[in-house]
Protein backbone atom coordinates (compact mmCIF):
# COMPACT_ATOMS: atom_id res chain seq x y z
CA MET A 1 70.85 -136.92 45.09
CA GLN A 2 69.12 -139.91 46.36
CA ASN A 3 65.44 -140.31 46.16
CA GLU A 4 64.59 -140.77 50.29
CA GLN A 5 61.50 -142.87 51.15
CA PRO A 6 59.74 -140.87 53.81
CA ILE A 7 59.57 -142.27 57.03
CA TYR A 8 56.00 -142.70 58.93
CA ARG A 9 54.77 -144.98 61.63
CA THR A 10 51.72 -147.18 60.86
CA LEU A 11 48.82 -146.58 63.51
CA GLY A 12 46.30 -149.31 62.54
CA LYS A 13 43.38 -149.59 60.08
CA LEU A 14 40.65 -147.46 59.38
CA LYS A 15 36.76 -148.59 59.35
CA THR A 16 36.36 -147.45 55.83
CA GLU A 17 32.55 -148.56 55.14
CA TYR A 18 31.13 -144.90 56.09
CA LEU A 19 34.17 -143.34 54.52
CA GLU A 20 33.97 -144.86 51.20
CA LYS A 21 30.13 -143.93 51.16
CA ARG A 22 31.01 -140.27 51.13
CA PHE A 23 34.51 -140.21 49.16
CA GLY A 24 34.20 -143.43 47.05
CA LYS A 25 36.87 -146.31 47.06
CA LEU A 26 40.40 -145.64 49.36
CA GLN A 27 43.61 -147.01 48.27
CA THR A 28 44.16 -148.64 51.44
CA ASP A 29 42.74 -148.71 55.11
CA GLU A 30 46.10 -148.22 56.82
CA LEU A 31 46.58 -145.04 58.90
CA ILE A 32 50.26 -143.51 59.29
CA ILE A 33 51.84 -140.34 60.63
CA MET A 34 54.69 -139.05 58.84
CA ASP A 35 57.84 -138.23 60.93
CA GLU A 36 57.52 -134.53 59.46
CA ARG A 37 53.76 -134.60 60.55
CA LEU A 38 54.82 -135.69 64.38
CA GLU A 39 57.44 -133.21 64.29
CA HIS A 40 54.56 -130.35 63.36
CA ILE A 41 52.34 -131.61 66.22
CA ARG A 42 55.20 -131.18 68.43
CA GLU A 43 56.23 -127.48 67.41
CA ARG A 44 52.62 -126.32 66.94
CA HIS A 45 50.77 -128.48 69.26
CA PRO A 46 53.42 -128.90 72.23
CA GLU A 47 50.81 -129.22 74.97
CA ASP A 48 49.14 -131.63 73.02
CA VAL A 49 52.03 -133.94 72.24
CA GLU A 50 51.59 -136.39 75.61
CA LEU A 51 47.90 -136.52 74.60
CA PHE A 52 48.94 -137.75 71.02
CA GLU A 53 51.26 -140.05 72.12
CA LYS A 54 48.31 -141.85 74.50
CA TYR A 55 45.14 -141.44 72.50
CA GLY A 56 46.15 -140.43 68.92
CA ALA A 57 45.83 -143.91 67.22
CA THR A 58 42.57 -144.51 69.36
CA ALA A 59 41.12 -141.39 68.45
CA ALA A 60 41.72 -141.90 64.90
CA LEU A 61 40.84 -145.69 64.80
CA GLU A 62 38.01 -145.40 67.27
CA PRO A 63 36.71 -141.81 66.95
CA ASP A 64 33.22 -141.11 68.52
CA THR A 65 32.33 -138.37 65.79
CA VAL A 66 33.85 -137.94 62.24
CA LEU A 67 33.07 -134.79 60.37
CA VAL A 68 33.92 -133.69 56.78
CA ASP A 69 36.54 -130.90 56.45
CA GLY A 70 34.98 -128.60 54.32
CA LYS A 71 37.84 -126.68 53.24
CA HIS A 72 40.02 -129.48 52.31
CA ASP A 73 39.12 -132.13 49.78
CA GLY A 74 39.48 -135.75 51.23
CA THR A 75 40.15 -134.52 54.57
CA ILE A 76 38.25 -135.57 57.81
CA PHE A 77 38.13 -134.60 61.40
CA MET A 78 37.98 -137.76 63.87
CA VAL A 79 37.15 -136.65 67.21
CA LYS A 80 37.39 -138.46 70.34
CA SER A 81 35.55 -137.28 73.52
CA LEU A 82 37.32 -137.86 77.06
CA PRO A 83 36.28 -136.89 80.19
CA ASP A 84 38.13 -133.66 80.45
CA THR A 85 38.28 -132.61 76.64
CA ASN A 86 37.94 -133.63 73.04
CA LEU A 87 40.81 -134.57 70.85
CA ASN A 88 40.72 -133.74 67.01
CA VAL A 89 42.72 -135.93 64.54
CA VAL A 90 42.65 -134.37 60.97
CA VAL A 91 43.29 -137.18 58.57
CA ARG A 92 43.85 -136.79 54.78
CA LEU A 93 42.42 -140.04 53.07
CA ALA A 94 43.95 -141.60 50.36
CA LEU A 95 41.22 -141.48 47.71
CA ASP A 96 41.17 -143.66 44.41
CA THR A 97 41.67 -140.55 42.25
CA ASP A 98 44.93 -139.62 44.08
CA ASP A 99 48.50 -140.62 42.99
CA THR A 100 48.86 -144.37 43.34
CA GLY A 101 50.70 -145.57 46.72
CA ARG A 102 49.18 -143.03 49.06
CA LYS A 103 48.13 -143.83 52.44
CA ASN A 104 45.53 -142.30 54.88
CA SER A 105 47.49 -140.00 56.74
CA ILE A 106 47.28 -137.91 60.00
CA MET A 107 47.89 -134.41 59.32
CA THR A 108 47.46 -132.87 62.63
CA PHE A 109 46.18 -133.44 66.20
CA TYR A 110 44.70 -131.02 68.75
CA ARG A 111 42.46 -130.49 71.59
CA ILE A 112 39.28 -128.99 70.80
CA ARG A 113 37.02 -127.39 73.42
CA GLU A 114 33.33 -128.68 73.39
CA LYS A 115 32.05 -124.91 72.44
CA ASN A 116 33.90 -125.15 69.10
CA LEU A 117 33.33 -128.80 68.57
CA LYS A 118 29.48 -127.92 68.56
CA LYS A 119 30.58 -125.27 66.21
CA LEU A 120 32.07 -127.70 63.99
CA ILE A 121 29.68 -130.23 63.87
CA ASN A 122 26.98 -127.56 63.37
CA LYS A 123 28.76 -126.55 60.18
CA SER A 124 30.13 -129.93 59.03
CA GLU A 125 28.81 -132.96 57.50
CA VAL A 126 28.61 -135.80 60.15
CA LEU A 127 29.50 -139.19 58.50
CA TYR A 128 29.62 -141.09 61.93
CA SER A 129 28.47 -140.59 65.30
CA LYS A 130 28.60 -143.08 68.07
CA GLU A 131 25.53 -141.68 69.67
């Protein structure tokens, strides 16, 4: 059996300064999405696929708010506010303590209502806020 390389798409480079203050050195500033995760978004959040294609990279690379995911180590929520909704990009960071060669990777993406975003902000550590 051949060892297949995972297939992914590079979306850009994260601003790592505030991330490294909280998580320590990252292996890279590169942000990717694996094809398998894109498939997850298509299957689990079909109504959000078009939004991801249009705004996913911008939401992650130029977020309005960045929160620490208290349930998963090394994971953050990168939120972008649009006029009618908010977009939440869940990113697993490639920490220095992880296996070598990892990349910062989008785990999932979905819309989040203003009410739910406020709850999330209240119970999470805020790493960055545009305001």
